[in-house]
Amino acid sequence: MKEFLVELTTTVPEGTDPAEVDRRRAAESVRAAELAFAGHLVRLWRPVGEMRSIGLWRAEDDAQLYEEVLGTLPLWPWMSAAVTAVQSHPNDPGRADGAG
């Protein structure tokens, strides 16, 4: 699978019922766990003091990432995403093949 660095920013539409926000956030947690179990969500960080997330995600290609992975997040309709496809650097100390 290919790897993608994804920055997600969620903006709740003005006037949204707080109960709907709570429902979607709870469902988001469940879906994130499912995606992690399936190997799509590898790591997830929140920059200190900010309401956005940065994650390492895996998918077969861009289409799968948007349609079957990110697009299935309950908060996706309220999210903006910056996606960067990444690959291992030759000097990456964490390379799977042990080189570097």
Protein backbone atom coordinates (compact mmCIF):
# COMPACT_ATOMS: atom_id res chain seq x y z
CA MET A 1 0.00 0.00 0.00
CA LYS A 2 1.02 3.59 -0.56
CA GLU A 3 1.46 5.98 2.35
CA PHE A 4 -0.05 9.44 2.67
CA LEU A 5 0.53 12.23 5.13
CA VAL A 6 -2.90 13.79 5.69
CA GLU A 7 -3.66 17.02 7.51
CA LEU A 8 -7.33 17.26 8.48
CA THR A 9 -9.08 20.37 9.75
CA THR A 10 -12.66 20.07 10.93
CA THR A 11 -15.00 23.06 10.81
CA VAL A 12 -18.43 22.44 12.28
CA PRO A 13 -21.06 24.40 10.35
CA GLU A 14 -22.54 27.27 12.32
CA GLY A 15 -25.87 26.39 13.86
CA THR A 16 -25.22 22.64 13.99
CA ASP A 17 -27.02 20.95 16.87
CA PRO A 18 -24.43 20.08 19.57
CA ALA A 19 -26.00 16.62 19.87
CA GLU A 20 -25.23 16.00 16.19
CA VAL A 21 -21.62 17.09 16.74
CA ASP A 22 -21.33 14.71 19.72
CA ARG A 23 -22.88 11.86 17.72
CA ARG A 24 -20.49 12.35 14.81
CA ARG A 25 -17.44 12.65 17.08
CA ALA A 26 -18.34 9.39 18.82
CA ALA A 27 -18.85 7.68 15.47
CA GLU A 28 -15.55 9.16 14.26
CA SER A 29 -13.72 7.45 17.10
CA VAL A 30 -15.27 4.10 16.22
CA ARG A 31 -14.50 4.49 12.51
CA ALA A 32 -10.90 5.54 13.18
CA ALA A 33 -10.40 2.37 15.23
CA GLU A 34 -11.83 0.28 12.37
CA LEU A 35 -9.54 1.96 9.85
CA ALA A 36 -6.54 1.42 12.13
CA PHE A 37 -7.40 -2.27 12.49
CA ALA A 38 -7.66 -2.55 8.70
CA GLY A 39 -4.19 -1.00 8.31
CA HIS A 40 -5.31 2.31 6.78
CA LEU A 41 -4.71 4.58 9.77
CA VAL A 42 -1.13 4.11 10.94
CA ARG A 43 -0.46 7.12 13.20
CA LEU A 44 -2.42 10.19 14.23
CA TRP A 45 -1.16 13.36 15.89
CA ARG A 46 -2.71 16.63 17.03
CA PRO A 47 -0.42 19.66 16.98
CA VAL A 48 -0.24 21.14 20.47
CA GLY A 49 -2.89 23.80 20.99
CA GLU A 50 -4.54 23.28 17.60
CA MET A 51 -7.80 21.71 16.49
CA ARG A 52 -6.50 19.76 13.53
CA SER A 53 -4.87 16.40 13.06
CA ILE A 54 -1.97 15.06 11.07
CA GLY A 55 -1.99 11.38 10.24
CA LEU A 56 -0.08 8.72 8.39
CA TRP A 57 -2.58 6.78 6.29
CA ARG A 58 -2.25 3.85 3.88
CA ALA A 59 -4.31 3.04 0.80
CA GLU A 60 -3.81 1.32 -2.54
CA ASP A 61 -4.10 4.65 -4.38
CA ASP A 62 -5.59 8.15 -4.20
CA ALA A 63 -9.04 6.91 -5.18
CA GLN A 64 -9.19 4.37 -2.35
CA LEU A 65 -7.85 6.93 0.13
CA TYR A 66 -10.62 9.41 -0.67
CA GLU A 67 -13.52 7.05 -1.41
CA GLU A 68 -13.05 4.10 0.94
CA VAL A 69 -10.97 5.57 3.74
CA LEU A 70 -11.22 9.32 4.40
CA GLY A 71 -14.63 9.57 2.76
CA THR A 72 -16.05 7.11 5.29
CA LEU A 73 -15.22 9.30 8.29
CA PRO A 74 -18.40 10.67 9.90
CA LEU A 75 -16.84 14.14 10.14
CA TRP A 76 -15.58 14.08 6.53
CA PRO A 77 -18.31 16.43 5.22
CA TRP A 78 -17.00 19.06 7.65
CA MET A 79 -13.30 18.45 6.95
CA SER A 80 -10.75 20.00 4.69
CA ALA A 81 -7.77 17.84 3.82
CA ALA A 82 -4.23 18.42 2.64
CA VAL A 83 -2.88 15.13 1.32
CA THR A 84 0.74 14.38 0.44
CA ALA A 85 1.83 11.02 -0.93
CA VAL A 86 5.07 9.99 0.79
CA GLN A 87 7.67 7.26 0.41
CA SER A 88 10.53 6.07 2.55
CA HIS A 89 13.71 8.12 2.40
CA PRO A 90 16.98 6.22 1.90
CA ASN A 91 18.24 7.61 5.25
CA ASP A 92 15.04 6.82 7.21
CA PRO A 93 16.16 4.99 10.37
CA GLY A 94 12.78 3.25 10.53
CA ARG A 95 12.82 1.70 7.06
CA ALA A 96 11.19 -1.70 6.99
CA ASP A 97 14.06 -3.28 5.06
CA GLY A 98 16.58 -2.29 7.75
CA ALA A 99 18.68 -0.26 5.33
CA GLY A 100 19.52 3.35 6.05
